[in-house]
PDB file of N, CA and C in Angstrom:
ATOM      1  N   UNK A   1      86.402 110.525 117.786  1.00  0.00           N
ATOM      2  CA  UNK A   1      85.836 111.507 116.818  1.00  0.00           C
ATOM      3  C   UNK A   1      86.572 111.400 115.563  1.00  0.00           C
ATOM      4  N   UNK A   2      85.821 111.580 114.372  1.00  0.00           N
ATOM      5  CA  UNK A   2      86.461 111.430 113.116  1.00  0.00           C
ATOM      6  C   UNK A   2      86.162 112.816 112.425  1.00  0.00           C
ATOM      7  N   UNK A   3      87.260 113.357 111.850  1.00  0.00           N
ATOM      8  CA  UNK A   3      87.061 114.548 111.032  1.00  0.00           C
ATOM      9  C   UNK A   3      87.296 114.135 109.573  1.00  0.00           C
ATOM     10  N   UNK A   4      86.459 114.657 108.648  1.00  0.00           N
ATOM     11  CA  UNK A   4      86.498 114.259 107.288  1.00  0.00           C
ATOM     12  C   UNK A   4      86.609 115.551 106.484  1.00  0.00           C
ATOM     13  N   UNK A   5      87.495 115.491 105.532  1.00  0.00           N
ATOM     14  CA  UNK A   5      87.660 116.659 104.670  1.00  0.00           C
ATOM     15  C   UNK A   5      87.664 116.169 103.168  1.00  0.00           C
ATOM     16  N   UNK A   6      86.679 116.769 102.420  1.00  0.00           N
ATOM     17  CA  UNK A   6      86.574 116.411 101.009  1.00  0.00           C
ATOM     18  C   UNK A   6      87.401 117.346 100.151  1.00  0.00           C
ATOM     19  N   UNK A   7      87.873 116.841  99.089  1.00  0.00           N
ATOM     20  CA  UNK A   7      88.604 117.657  98.163  1.00  0.00           C
ATOM     21  C   UNK A   7      88.498 117.094  96.666  1.00  0.00           C
ATOM     22  N   UNK A   8      88.904 117.848  95.682  1.00  0.00           N
ATOM     23  CA  UNK A   8      88.814 117.398  94.285  1.00  0.00           C
ATOM     24  C   UNK A   8      87.720 117.938  93.533  1.00  0.00           C
ATOM     25  N   UNK A   9      86.762 118.646  94.103  1.00  0.00           N
ATOM     26  CA  UNK A   9      85.672 119.178  93.296  1.00  0.00           C
ATOM     27  C   UNK A   9      86.064 120.255  92.354  1.00  0.00           C
ATOM     28  N   UNK A  10      85.233 120.706  91.494  1.00  0.00           N
ATOM     29  CA  UNK A  10      85.560 121.788  90.581  1.00  0.00           C
ATOM     30  C   UNK A  10      84.492 121.979  89.511  1.00  0.00           C
ATOM     31  N   UNK A  11      84.859 122.637  88.409  1.00  0.00           N
ATOM     32  CA  UNK A  11      84.072 122.812  87.216  1.00  0.00           C
ATOM     33  C   UNK A  11      84.623 121.941  86.177  1.00  0.00           C
ATOM     34  N   UNK A  12      83.702 121.129  85.628  1.00  0.00           N
ATOM     35  CA  UNK A  12      84.096 120.319  84.396  1.00  0.00           C
ATOM     36  C   UNK A  12      82.968 120.274  83.376  1.00  0.00           C
ATOM     37  N   UNK A  13      83.375 120.015  82.126  1.00  0.00           N
ATOM     38  CA  UNK A  13      82.425 119.976  81.105  1.00  0.00           C
ATOM     39  C   UNK A  13      81.735 118.617  81.121  1.00  0.00           C
ATOM     40  N   UNK A  14      80.535 118.551  80.587  1.00  0.00           N
ATOM     41  CA  UNK A  14      79.800 117.271  80.427  1.00  0.00           C
ATOM     42  C   UNK A  14      80.730 116.217  79.786  1.00  0.00           C
ATOM     43  N   UNK A  15      80.709 115.034  80.127  1.00  0.00           N
ATOM     44  CA  UNK A  15      81.503 113.950  79.512  1.00  0.00           C
ATOM     45  C   UNK A  15      82.864 113.878  80.311  1.00  0.00           C
ATOM     46  N   UNK A  16      83.162 114.892  81.013  1.00  0.00           N
ATOM     47  CA  UNK A  16      84.506 114.856  81.739  1.00  0.00           C
ATOM     48  C   UNK A  16      84.539 113.977  83.010  1.00  0.00           C
ATOM     49  N   UNK A  17      85.698 114.114  83.618  1.00  0.00           N
ATOM     50  CA  UNK A  17      85.951 113.254  84.858  1.00  0.00           C
ATOM     51  C   UNK A  17      86.422 114.059  85.979  1.00  0.00           C
ATOM     52  N   UNK A  18      86.153 113.618  87.224  1.00  0.00           N
ATOM     53  CA  UNK A  18      86.787 114.244  88.417  1.00  0.00           C
ATOM     54  C   UNK A  18      87.086 113.084  89.369  1.00  0.00           C
ATOM     55  N   UNK A  19      87.971 113.282  90.291  1.00  0.00           N
ATOM     56  CA  UNK A  19      88.292 112.303  91.387  1.00  0.00           C
ATOM     57  C   UNK A  19      88.156 113.024  92.600  1.00  0.00           C
ATOM     58  N   UNK A  20      87.173 112.698  93.515  1.00  0.00           N
ATOM     59  CA  UNK A  20      87.069 113.301  94.798  1.00  0.00           C
ATOM     60  C   UNK A  20      87.839 112.435  95.816  1.00  0.00           C
ATOM     61  N   UNK A  21      88.324 113.099  96.762  1.00  0.00           N
ATOM     62  CA  UNK A  21      89.056 112.461  97.907  1.00  0.00           C
ATOM     63  C   UNK A  21      88.441 112.937  99.275  1.00  0.00           C
ATOM     64  N   UNK A  22      88.462 112.011 100.185  1.00  0.00           N
ATOM     65  CA  UNK A  22      87.882 112.246 101.474  1.00  0.00           C
ATOM     66  C   UNK A  22      89.029 111.883 102.504  1.00  0.00           C
ATOM     67  N   UNK A  23      89.615 112.767 103.131  1.00  0.00           N
ATOM     68  CA  UNK A  23      90.778 112.396 104.058  1.00  0.00           C
ATOM     69  C   UNK A  23      90.159 112.457 105.419  1.00  0.00           C
ATOM     70  N   UNK A  24      90.547 111.509 106.157  1.00  0.00           N
ATOM     71  CA  UNK A  24      90.101 111.354 107.575  1.00  0.00           C
ATOM     72  C   UNK A  24      91.212 111.638 108.566  1.00  0.00           C
ATOM     73  N   UNK A  25      90.821 112.320 109.738  1.00  0.00           N
ATOM     74  CA  UNK A  25      91.678 112.396 110.783  1.00  0.00           C
ATOM     75  C   UNK A  25      91.014 112.267 112.142  1.00  0.00           C
ATOM     76  N   UNK A  26      91.773 112.258 113.029  1.00  0.00           N
ATOM     77  CA  UNK A  26      91.225 112.036 114.441  1.00  0.00           C
ATOM     78  C   UNK A  26      91.282 110.590 114.916  1.00  0.00           C
ATOM     79  N   UNK A  27      90.872 109.706 114.166  1.00  0.00           N
ATOM     80  CA  UNK A  27      90.974 108.309 114.368  1.00  0.00           C
ATOM     81  C   UNK A  27      90.979 107.552 112.961  1.00  0.00           C
ATOM     82  N   UNK A  28      91.342 106.355 113.004  1.00  0.00           N
ATOM     83  CA  UNK A  28      91.366 105.512 111.817  1.00  0.00           C
ATOM     84  C   UNK A  28      89.925 105.325 111.326  1.00  0.00           C
ATOM     85  N   UNK A  29      89.737 105.162 110.007  1.00  0.00           N
ATOM     86  CA  UNK A  29      88.377 104.786 109.580  1.00  0.00           C
ATOM     87  C   UNK A  29      88.376 103.453 109.020  1.00  0.00           C
ATOM     88  N   UNK A  30      89.442 102.564 109.347  1.00  0.00           N
ATOM     89  CA  UNK A  30      89.426 101.297 108.721  1.00  0.00           C
ATOM     90  C   UNK A  30      88.426 100.333 109.441  1.00  0.00           C
ATOM     91  N   UNK A  31      87.625 100.775 110.347  1.00  0.00           N
ATOM     92  CA  UNK A  31      86.522  99.918 110.818  1.00  0.00           C
ATOM     93  C   UNK A  31      85.179 100.421 110.438  1.00  0.00           C
ATOM     94  N   UNK A  32      85.130 101.561 109.641  1.00  0.00           N
ATOM     95  CA  UNK A  32      83.925 102.167 109.227  1.00  0.00           C
ATOM     96  C   UNK A  32      83.575 101.907 107.725  1.00  0.00           C
ATOM     97  N   UNK A  33      82.305 101.772 107.452  1.00  0.00           N
ATOM     98  CA  UNK A  33      81.807 101.903 106.166  1.00  0.00           C
ATOM     99  C   UNK A  33      81.816 103.439 105.746  1.00  0.00           C
ATOM    100  N   UNK A  34      82.332 103.749 104.561  1.00  0.00           N
ATOM    101  CA  UNK A  34      82.389 105.099 104.190  1.00  0.00           C
ATOM    102  C   UNK A  34      81.396 105.331 103.014  1.00  0.00           C
ATOM    103  N   UNK A  35      80.785 106.488 103.039  1.00  0.00           N
ATOM    104  CA  UNK A  35      79.781 106.738 102.035  1.00  0.00           C
ATOM    105  C   UNK A  35      79.927 108.134 101.399  1.00  0.00           C
ATOM    106  N   UNK A  36      79.413 108.224 100.120  1.00  0.00           N
ATOM    107  CA  UNK A  36      79.399 109.533  99.501  1.00  0.00           C
ATOM    108  C   UNK A  36      77.935 109.860  99.320  1.00  0.00           C
ATOM    109  N   UNK A  37      77.505 111.115  99.558  1.00  0.00           N
ATOM    110  CA  UNK A  37      76.181 111.659  99.204  1.00  0.00           C
ATOM    111  C   UNK A  37      76.363 112.900  98.461  1.00  0.00           C
ATOM    112  N   UNK A  38      75.283 113.343  97.923  1.00  0.00           N
ATOM    113  CA  UNK A  38      75.347 114.750  97.122  1.00  0.00           C
ATOM    114  C   UNK A  38      74.033 115.441  97.411  1.00  0.00           C
ATOM    115  N   UNK A  39      74.150 116.729  97.257  1.00  0.00           N
ATOM    116  CA  UNK A  39      72.946 117.601  97.622  1.00  0.00           C
ATOM    117  C   UNK A  39      73.082 118.693  96.530  1.00  0.00           C
ATOM    118  N   UNK A  40      72.042 118.798  95.588  1.00  0.00           N
ATOM    119  CA  UNK A  40      71.875 119.805  94.637  1.00  0.00           C
ATOM    120  C   UNK A  40      71.042 120.885  95.264  1.00  0.00           C
ATOM    121  N   UNK A  41      71.117 122.197  94.838  1.00  0.00           N
ATOM    122  CA  UNK A  41      70.371 123.294  95.407  1.00  0.00           C
ATOM    123  C   UNK A  41      68.803 122.926  95.446  1.00  0.00           C
ATOM    124  N   UNK A  42      68.275 123.139  96.551  1.00  0.00           N
ATOM    125  CA  UNK A  42      66.867 122.955  96.666  1.00  0.00           C
ATOM    126  C   UNK A  42      66.319 121.449  96.780  1.00  0.00           C
ATOM    127  N   UNK A  43      67.323 120.536  96.769  1.00  0.00           N
ATOM    128  CA  UNK A  43      66.990 119.117  96.830  1.00  0.00           C
ATOM    129  C   UNK A  43      67.493 118.383  98.141  1.00  0.00           C
ATOM    130  N   UNK A  44      67.065 117.216  98.349  1.00  0.00           N
ATOM    131  CA  UNK A  44      67.525 116.443  99.448  1.00  0.00           C
ATOM    132  C   UNK A  44      68.909 115.966  99.226  1.00  0.00           C
ATOM    133  N   UNK A  45      69.596 115.611 100.321  1.00  0.00           N
ATOM    134  CA  UNK A  45      70.886 115.010 100.239  1.00  0.00           C
ATOM    135  C   UNK A  45      70.702 113.504  99.842  1.00  0.00           C
ATOM    136  N   UNK A  46      71.185 113.082  98.763  1.00  0.00           N
ATOM    137  CA  UNK A  46      70.991 111.717  98.235  1.00  0.00           C
ATOM    138  C   UNK A  46      72.240 110.867  98.278  1.00  0.00           C
ATOM    139  N   UNK A  47      71.957 109.564  98.464  1.00  0.00           N
ATOM    140  CA  UNK A  47      73.023 108.594  98.541  1.00  0.00           C
ATOM    141  C   UNK A  47      73.667 108.481  97.119  1.00  0.00           C
ATOM    142  N   UNK A  48      74.994 108.328  97.144  1.00  0.00           N
ATOM    143  CA  UNK A  48      75.773 108.068  95.761  1.00  0.00           C
ATOM    144  C   UNK A  48      76.405 106.738  95.784  1.00  0.00           C
ATOM    145  N   UNK A  49      77.201 106.500  96.847  1.00  0.00           N
ATOM    146  CA  UNK A  49      77.962 105.218  96.944  1.00  0.00           C
ATOM    147  C   UNK A  49      78.462 105.000  98.365  1.00  0.00           C
ATOM    148  N   UNK A  50      78.649 103.689  98.603  1.00  0.00           N
ATOM    149  CA  UNK A  50      79.345 103.369  99.959  1.00  0.00           C
ATOM    150  C   UNK A  50      80.263 102.220  99.725  1.00  0.00           C
ATOM    151  N   UNK A  51      81.202 101.985 100.679  1.00  0.00           N
ATOM    152  CA  UNK A  51      82.201 100.931 100.607  1.00  0.00           C
ATOM    153  C   UNK A  51      82.416 100.382 102.037  1.00  0.00           C
ATOM    154  N   UNK A  52      82.461  99.214 102.258  1.00  0.00           N
ATOM    155  CA  UNK A  52      82.653  98.608 103.587  1.00  0.00           C
ATOM    156  C   UNK A  52      84.001  98.746 104.035  1.00  0.00           C
ATOM    157  N   UNK A  53      84.332  98.395 105.317  1.00  0.00           N
ATOM    158  CA  UNK A  53      85.710  98.640 105.843  1.00  0.00           C
ATOM    159  C   UNK A  53      86.832  98.076 105.071  1.00  0.00           C
ATOM    160  N   UNK A  54      86.587  96.856 104.440  1.00  0.00           N
ATOM    161  CA  UNK A  54      87.646  96.119 103.756  1.00  0.00           C
ATOM    162  C   UNK A  54      87.779  96.647 102.375  1.00  0.00           C
ATOM    163  N   UNK A  55      86.731  97.208 101.842  1.00  0.00           N
ATOM    164  CA  UNK A  55      86.772  97.517 100.392  1.00  0.00           C
ATOM    165  C   UNK A  55      86.251  96.516  99.475  1.00  0.00           C
ATOM    166  N   UNK A  56      85.790  95.291 100.142  1.00  0.00           N
ATOM    167  CA  UNK A  56      85.413  94.213  99.302  1.00  0.00           C
ATOM    168  C   UNK A  56      83.927  94.265  98.933  1.00  0.00           C
ATOM    169  N   UNK A  57      83.239  95.173  99.658  1.00  0.00           N
ATOM    170  CA  UNK A  57      81.704  95.332  99.300  1.00  0.00           C
ATOM    171  C   UNK A  57      81.486  96.808  99.031  1.00  0.00           C
ATOM    172  N   UNK A  58      80.730  97.103  97.927  1.00  0.00           N
ATOM    173  CA  UNK A  58      80.485  98.385  97.563  1.00  0.00           C
ATOM    174  C   UNK A  58      78.964  98.510  97.048  1.00  0.00           C
ATOM    175  N   UNK A  59      78.472  99.676  97.174  1.00  0.00           N
ATOM    176  CA  UNK A  59      77.068  99.868  96.590  1.00  0.00           C
ATOM    177  C   UNK A  59      77.103 101.260  95.923  1.00  0.00           C
ATOM    178  N   UNK A  60      76.515 101.313  94.791  1.00  0.00           N
ATOM    179  CA  UNK A  60      76.300 102.541  94.043  1.00  0.00           C
ATOM    180  C   UNK A  60      74.814 102.825  93.728  1.00  0.00           C
ATOM    181  N   UNK A  61      74.435 104.125  93.685  1.00  0.00           N
ATOM    182  CA  UNK A  61      73.147 104.409  93.375  1.00  0.00           C
ATOM    183  C   UNK A  61      72.893 104.149  91.869  1.00  0.00           C
ATOM    184  N   UNK A  62      71.694 103.889  91.408  1.00  0.00           N
ATOM    185  CA  UNK A  62      71.415 103.532  90.156  1.00  0.00           C
ATOM    186  C   UNK A  62      71.815 104.741  89.144  1.00  0.00           C
ATOM    187  N   UNK A  63      71.750 105.897  89.656  1.00  0.00           N
ATOM    188  CA  UNK A  63      71.978 107.038  88.815  1.00  0.00           C
ATOM    189  C   UNK A  63      73.422 107.215  88.431  1.00  0.00           C
ATOM    190  N   UNK A  64      74.273 106.560  89.140  1.00  0.00           N
ATOM    191  CA  UNK A  64      75.683 106.665  88.964  1.00  0.00           C
ATOM    192  C   UNK A  64      76.393 105.425  88.553  1.00  0.00           C
ATOM    193  N   UNK A  65      75.657 104.296  88.574  1.00  0.00           N
ATOM    194  CA  UNK A  65      76.244 103.005  88.227  1.00  0.00           C
ATOM    195  C   UNK A  65      76.887 103.030  86.844  1.00  0.00           C
ATOM    196  N   UNK A  66      78.010 102.427  86.758  1.00  0.00           N
ATOM    197  CA  UNK A  66      78.843 102.327  85.513  1.00  0.00           C
ATOM    198  C   UNK A  66      79.533 103.622  85.210  1.00  0.00           C
ATOM    199  N   UNK A  67      79.329 104.683  86.016  1.00  0.00           N
ATOM    200  CA  UNK A  67      80.165 106.010  85.753  1.00  0.00           C
ATOM    201  C   UNK A  67      80.977 106.381  86.987  1.00  0.00           C
ATOM    202  N   UNK A  68      80.456 106.131  88.156  1.00  0.00           N
ATOM    203  CA  UNK A  68      81.194 106.448  89.326  1.00  0.00           C
ATOM    204  C   UNK A  68      81.707 105.150  90.070  1.00  0.00           C
ATOM    205  N   UNK A  69      82.818 105.316  90.682  1.00  0.00           N
ATOM    206  CA  UNK A  69      83.374 104.137  91.438  1.00  0.00           C
ATOM    207  C   UNK A  69      84.000 104.620  92.761  1.00  0.00           C
ATOM    208  N   UNK A  70      83.484 103.975  93.828  1.00  0.00           N
ATOM    209  CA  UNK A  70      84.008 104.348  95.194  1.00  0.00           C
ATOM    210  C   UNK A  70      85.151 103.340  95.500  1.00  0.00           C
ATOM    211  N   UNK A  71      86.175 103.916  96.253  1.00  0.00           N
ATOM    212  CA  UNK A  71      87.294 103.031  96.603  1.00  0.00           C
ATOM    213  C   UNK A  71      87.857 103.653  97.828  1.00  0.00           C
ATOM    214  N   UNK A  72      88.852 102.865  98.452  1.00  0.00           N
ATOM    215  CA  UNK A  72      89.411 103.347  99.757  1.00  0.00           C
ATOM    216  C   UNK A  72      90.854 102.869  99.865  1.00  0.00           C
ATOM    217  N   UNK A  73      91.683 103.639 100.586  1.00  0.00           N
ATOM    218  CA  UNK A  73      93.005 103.297 100.955  1.00  0.00           C
ATOM    219  C   UNK A  73      93.069 103.438 102.464  1.00  0.00           C
ATOM    220  N   UNK A  74      92.948 102.301 103.187  1.00  0.00           N
ATOM    221  CA  UNK A  74      92.942 102.374 104.579  1.00  0.00           C
ATOM    222  C   UNK A  74      94.398 102.825 105.091  1.00  0.00           C
ATOM    223  N   UNK A  75      95.390 102.552 104.444  1.00  0.00           N
ATOM    224  CA  UNK A  75      96.782 102.934 104.851  1.00  0.00           C
ATOM    225  C   UNK A  75      96.820 104.474 104.877  1.00  0.00           C
ATOM    226  N   UNK A  76      96.146 105.148 103.905  1.00  0.00           N
ATOM    227  CA  UNK A  76      96.061 106.569 103.903  1.00  0.00           C
ATOM    228  C   UNK A  76      94.968 107.222 104.622  1.00  0.00           C
ATOM    229  N   UNK A  77      94.138 106.508 105.114  1.00  0.00           N
ATOM    230  CA  UNK A  77      92.824 106.932 105.870  1.00  0.00           C
ATOM    231  C   UNK A  77      91.999 107.822 104.916  1.00  0.00           C
ATOM    232  N   UNK A  78      91.828 107.326 103.698  1.00  0.00           N
ATOM    233  CA  UNK A  78      91.289 108.124 102.586  1.00  0.00           C
ATOM    234  C   UNK A  78      90.328 107.320 101.758  1.00  0.00           C
ATOM    235  N   UNK A  79      89.216 107.957 101.421  1.00  0.00           N
ATOM    236  CA  UNK A  79      88.203 107.342 100.474  1.00  0.00           C
ATOM    237  C   UNK A  79      88.163 108.269  99.228  1.00  0.00           C
ATOM    238  N   UNK A  80      87.921 107.567  98.134  1.00  0.00           N
ATOM    239  CA  UNK A  80      87.910 108.238  96.877  1.00  0.00           C
ATOM    240  C   UNK A  80      86.529 108.085  96.162  1.00  0.00           C
ATOM    241  N   UNK A  81      86.165 108.895  95.300  1.00  0.00           N
ATOM    242  CA  UNK A  81      84.988 108.806  94.410  1.00  0.00           C
ATOM    243  C   UNK A  81      85.539 109.147  93.022  1.00  0.00           C
ATOM    244  N   UNK A  82      85.646 108.145  92.168  1.00  0.00           N
ATOM    245  CA  UNK A  82      86.140 108.353  90.775  1.00  0.00           C
ATOM    246  C   UNK A  82      84.734 108.677  89.918  1.00  0.00           C
ATOM    247  N   UNK A  83      84.692 109.813  89.284  1.00  0.00           N
ATOM    248  CA  UNK A  83      83.557 110.150  88.567  1.00  0.00           C
ATOM    249  C   UNK A  83      83.814 110.317  87.123  1.00  0.00           C
ATOM    250  N   UNK A  84      83.271 109.556  86.232  1.00  0.00           N
ATOM    251  CA  UNK A  84      83.447 109.625  84.774  1.00  0.00           C
ATOM    252  C   UNK A  84      82.126 109.909  84.054  1.00  0.00           C
ATOM    253  N   UNK A  85      82.234 110.273  82.766  1.00  0.00           N
ATOM    254  CA  UNK A  85      81.096 110.580  82.051  1.00  0.00           C
ATOM    255  C   UNK A  85      80.041 111.462  82.692  1.00  0.00           C
ATOM    256  N   UNK A  86      80.565 112.500  83.313  1.00  0.00           N
ATOM    257  CA  UNK A  86      79.804 113.438  84.096  1.00  0.00           C
ATOM    258  C   UNK A  86      78.737 114.101  83.295  1.00  0.00           C
ATOM    259  N   UNK A  87      77.608 114.289  83.987  1.00  0.00           N
ATOM    260  CA  UNK A  87      76.430 114.896  83.342  1.00  0.00           C
ATOM    261  C   UNK A  87      76.110 116.205  84.112  1.00  0.00           C
ATOM    262  N   UNK A  88      75.395 117.204  83.545  1.00  0.00           N
ATOM    263  CA  UNK A  88      74.911 118.369  84.250  1.00  0.00           C
ATOM    264  C   UNK A  88      74.130 117.971  85.444  1.00  0.00           C
ATOM    265  N   UNK A  89      73.356 116.995  85.466  1.00  0.00           N
ATOM    266  CA  UNK A  89      72.552 116.551  86.603  1.00  0.00           C
ATOM    267  C   UNK A  89      73.459 116.041  87.675  1.00  0.00           C
ATOM    268  N   UNK A  90      74.782 115.832  87.546  1.00  0.00           N
ATOM    269  CA  UNK A  90      75.617 115.444  88.677  1.00  0.00           C
ATOM    270  C   UNK A  90      75.947 116.685  89.433  1.00  0.00           C
ATOM    271  N   UNK A  91      75.720 117.788  89.026  1.00  0.00           N
ATOM    272  CA  UNK A  91      76.052 118.996  89.708  1.00  0.00           C
ATOM    273  C   UNK A  91      75.532 119.106  91.093  1.00  0.00           C
ATOM    274  N   UNK A  92      76.396 119.212  92.160  1.00  0.00           N
ATOM    275  CA  UNK A  92      75.896 119.156  93.574  1.00  0.00           C
ATOM    276  C   UNK A  92      77.090 119.405  94.423  1.00  0.00           C
ATOM    277  N   UNK A  93      76.843 119.573  95.698  1.00  0.00           N
ATOM    278  CA  UNK A  93      77.905 119.528  96.691  1.00  0.00           C
ATOM    279  C   UNK A  93      78.054 118.105  97.086  1.00  0.00           C
ATOM    280  N   UNK A  94      79.178 117.466  97.082  1.00  0.00           N
ATOM    281  CA  UNK A  94      79.391 116.100  97.384  1.00  0.00           C
ATOM    282  C   UNK A  94      80.033 115.975  98.835  1.00  0.00           C
ATOM    283  N   UNK A  95      79.433 115.150  99.596  1.00  0.00           N
ATOM    284  CA  UNK A  95      79.784 114.897 101.018  1.00  0.00           C
ATOM    285  C   UNK A  95      80.303 113.441 101.212  1.00  0.00           C
ATOM    286  N   UNK A  96      81.269 113.258 102.035  1.00  0.00           N
ATOM    287  CA  UNK A  96      81.654 111.960 102.470  1.00  0.00           C
ATOM    288  C   UNK A  96      81.153 111.797 103.992  1.00  0.00           C
ATOM    289  N   UNK A  97      80.947 110.594 104.409  1.00  0.00           N
ATOM    290  CA  UNK A  97      80.474 110.331 105.728  1.00  0.00           C
ATOM    291  C   UNK A  97      80.853 108.878 106.107  1.00  0.00           C
ATOM    292  N   UNK A  98      80.818 108.687 107.398  1.00  0.00           N
ATOM    293  CA  UNK A  98      81.249 107.393 107.988  1.00  0.00           C
ATOM    294  C   UNK A  98      80.096 106.827 108.820  1.00  0.00           C
ATOM    295  N   UNK A  99      80.007 105.468 108.766  1.00  0.00           N
ATOM    296  CA  UNK A  99      78.907 104.788 109.544  1.00  0.00           C
ATOM    297  C   UNK A  99      79.341 103.439 109.901  1.00  0.00           C
ATOM    298  N   UNK A 100      78.816 102.925 111.083  1.00  0.00           N
ATOM    299  CA  UNK A 100      79.026 101.532 111.499  1.00  0.00           C
ATOM    300  C   UNK A 100      77.890 100.642 111.144  1.00  0.00           C
ATOM    301  N   UNK A 101      76.803 101.147 110.499  1.00  0.00           N
ATOM    302  CA  UNK A 101      75.746 100.282 110.230  1.00  0.00           C
ATOM    303  C   UNK A 101      75.943  99.310 109.048  1.00  0.00           C
ATOM    304  N   UNK A 102      75.015  98.404 108.901  1.00  0.00           N
ATOM    305  CA  UNK A 102      75.111  97.384 107.890  1.00  0.00           C
ATOM    306  C   UNK A 102      74.708  97.923 106.610  1.00  0.00           C
ATOM    307  N   UNK A 103      74.933  97.044 105.528  1.00  0.00           N
ATOM    308  CA  UNK A 103      74.542  97.407 104.196  1.00  0.00           C
ATOM    309  C   UNK A 103      73.214  97.833 103.905  1.00  0.00           C
ATOM    310  N   UNK A 104      72.228  97.361 104.642  1.00  0.00           N
ATOM    311  CA  UNK A 104      70.814  97.704 104.492  1.00  0.00           C
ATOM    312  C   UNK A 104      70.627  99.194 104.863  1.00  0.00           C
ATOM    313  N   UNK A 105      71.398  99.697 105.664  1.00  0.00           N
ATOM    314  CA  UNK A 105      71.212 101.170 106.010  1.00  0.00           C
ATOM    315  C   UNK A 105      72.151 102.091 105.296  1.00  0.00           C
ATOM    316  N   UNK A 106      72.980 101.608 104.351  1.00  0.00           N
ATOM    317  CA  UNK A 106      73.981 102.415 103.728  1.00  0.00           C
ATOM    318  C   UNK A 106      73.345 103.677 103.032  1.00  0.00           C
ATOM    319  N   UNK A 107      72.235 103.395 102.309  1.00  0.00           N
ATOM    320  CA  UNK A 107      71.674 104.522 101.603  1.00  0.00           C
ATOM    321  C   UNK A 107      70.962 105.667 102.532  1.00  0.00           C
ATOM    322  N   UNK A 108      70.939 105.484 103.771  1.00  0.00           N
ATOM    323  CA  UNK A 108      70.207 106.333 104.671  1.00  0.00           C
ATOM    324  C   UNK A 108      71.114 107.381 105.322  1.00  0.00           C
ATOM    325  N   UNK A 109      70.942 108.570 105.043  1.00  0.00           N
ATOM    326  CA  UNK A 109      71.951 109.619 105.507  1.00  0.00           C
ATOM    327  C   UNK A 109      71.809 109.572 107.030  1.00  0.00           C
ATOM    328  N   UNK A 110      70.713 109.268 107.683  1.00  0.00           N
ATOM    329  CA  UNK A 110      70.666 109.219 109.171  1.00  0.00           C
ATOM    330  C   UNK A 110      71.363 108.117 109.841  1.00  0.00           C
ATOM    331  N   UNK A 111      71.999 107.247 109.009  1.00  0.00           N
ATOM    332  CA  UNK A 111      72.828 106.137 109.518  1.00  0.00           C
ATOM    333  C   UNK A 111      74.193 106.552 109.781  1.00  0.00           C
ATOM    334  N   UNK A 112      74.549 107.789 109.267  1.00  0.00           N
ATOM    335  CA  UNK A 112      75.974 108.147 109.305  1.00  0.00           C
ATOM    336  C   UNK A 112      76.262 109.084 110.384  1.00  0.00           C
ATOM    337  N   UNK A 113      77.383 108.744 111.090  1.00  0.00           N
ATOM    338  CA  UNK A 113      77.725 109.485 112.331  1.00  0.00           C
ATOM    339  C   UNK A 113      78.534 110.786 112.115  1.00  0.00           C
ATOM    340  N   UNK A 114      79.454 110.649 111.057  1.00  0.00           N
ATOM    341  CA  UNK A 114      80.396 111.747 110.800  1.00  0.00           C
ATOM    342  C   UNK A 114      80.282 112.233 109.305  1.00  0.00           C
ATOM    343  N   UNK A 115      80.404 113.535 109.105  1.00  0.00           N
ATOM    344  CA  UNK A 115      80.258 114.071 107.852  1.00  0.00           C
ATOM    345  C   UNK A 115      81.345 115.043 107.655  1.00  0.00           C
ATOM    346  N   UNK A 116      81.772 115.264 106.314  1.00  0.00           N
ATOM    347  CA  UNK A 116      82.690 116.333 105.946  1.00  0.00           C
ATOM    348  C   UNK A 116      81.844 117.520 105.601  1.00  0.00           C
ATOM    349  N   UNK A 117      82.568 118.670 105.135  1.00  0.00           N
ATOM    350  CA  UNK A 117      81.924 119.931 104.920  1.00  0.00           C
ATOM    351  C   UNK A 117      81.510 120.032 103.477  1.00  0.00           C
ATOM    352  N   UNK A 118      81.890 119.065 102.624  1.00  0.00           N
ATOM    353  CA  UNK A 118      81.369 119.001 101.223  1.00  0.00           C
ATOM    354  C   UNK A 118      82.438 119.751 100.218  1.00  0.00           C
ATOM    355  N   UNK A 119      82.266 119.304  99.040  1.00  0.00           N
ATOM    356  CA  UNK A 119      83.123 119.786  97.929  1.00  0.00           C
ATOM    357  C   UNK A 119      82.176 120.032  96.740  1.00  0.00           C
ATOM    358  N   UNK A 120      82.206 121.170  96.081  1.00  0.00           N
ATOM    359  CA  UNK A 120      81.269 121.520  95.010  1.00  0.00           C
ATOM    360  C   UNK A 120      81.761 120.867  93.729  1.00  0.00           C
ATOM    361  N   UNK A 121      80.884 120.144  93.058  1.00  0.00           N
ATOM    362  CA  UNK A 121      81.028 119.683  91.657  1.00  0.00           C
ATOM    363  C   UNK A 121      80.070 120.306  90.750  1.00  0.00           C
ATOM    364  N   UNK A 122      80.525 121.041  89.744  1.00  0.00           N
ATOM    365  CA  UNK A 122      79.746 121.647  88.715  1.00  0.00           C
ATOM    366  C   UNK A 122      79.995 121.089  87.339  1.00  0.00           C
ATOM    367  N   UNK A 123      79.024 120.597  86.772  1.00  0.00           N
ATOM    368  CA  UNK A 123      79.137 120.001  85.284  1.00  0.00           C
ATOM    369  C   UNK A 123      78.375 120.977  84.418  1.00  0.00           C
ATOM    370  N   UNK A 124      79.153 121.513  83.415  1.00  0.00           N
ATOM    371  CA  UNK A 124      78.583 122.416  82.426  1.00  0.00           C
ATOM    372  C   UNK A 124      78.091 121.585  81.229  1.00  0.00           C
ATOM    373  N   UNK A 125      77.070 122.097  80.588  1.00  0.00           N
ATOM    374  CA  UNK A 125      76.682 121.406  79.317  1.00  0.00           C
ATOM    375  C   UNK A 125      77.275 121.951  78.092  1.00  0.00           C
TER     376      UNK A 125
END
């Protein structure tokens, strides 16, 4: 069993930056692909980014490419999401998740076995 806890969310002005962290416990995550999703009020939970077990392969949603970067530190059992040039439309609860599925299934929330409780990111205009 893997427990995931997100942190680093908050209120930031448009154009600002935040760094989200996802700390894992219970077992090591160094064999899992880790993903970030986000859910705005009244909307579906959408894929943001994912990174494979080694960190050598990543995928980012078109809406965040060039602004967000996913990374991981397996020694710390932690995954990060660096968010720059934030926009009001990035406002959402951000969740991290773990999966063993291949890259073709990374954007599918149904592919993920473990989820954190989420951290709120609010971007003011």
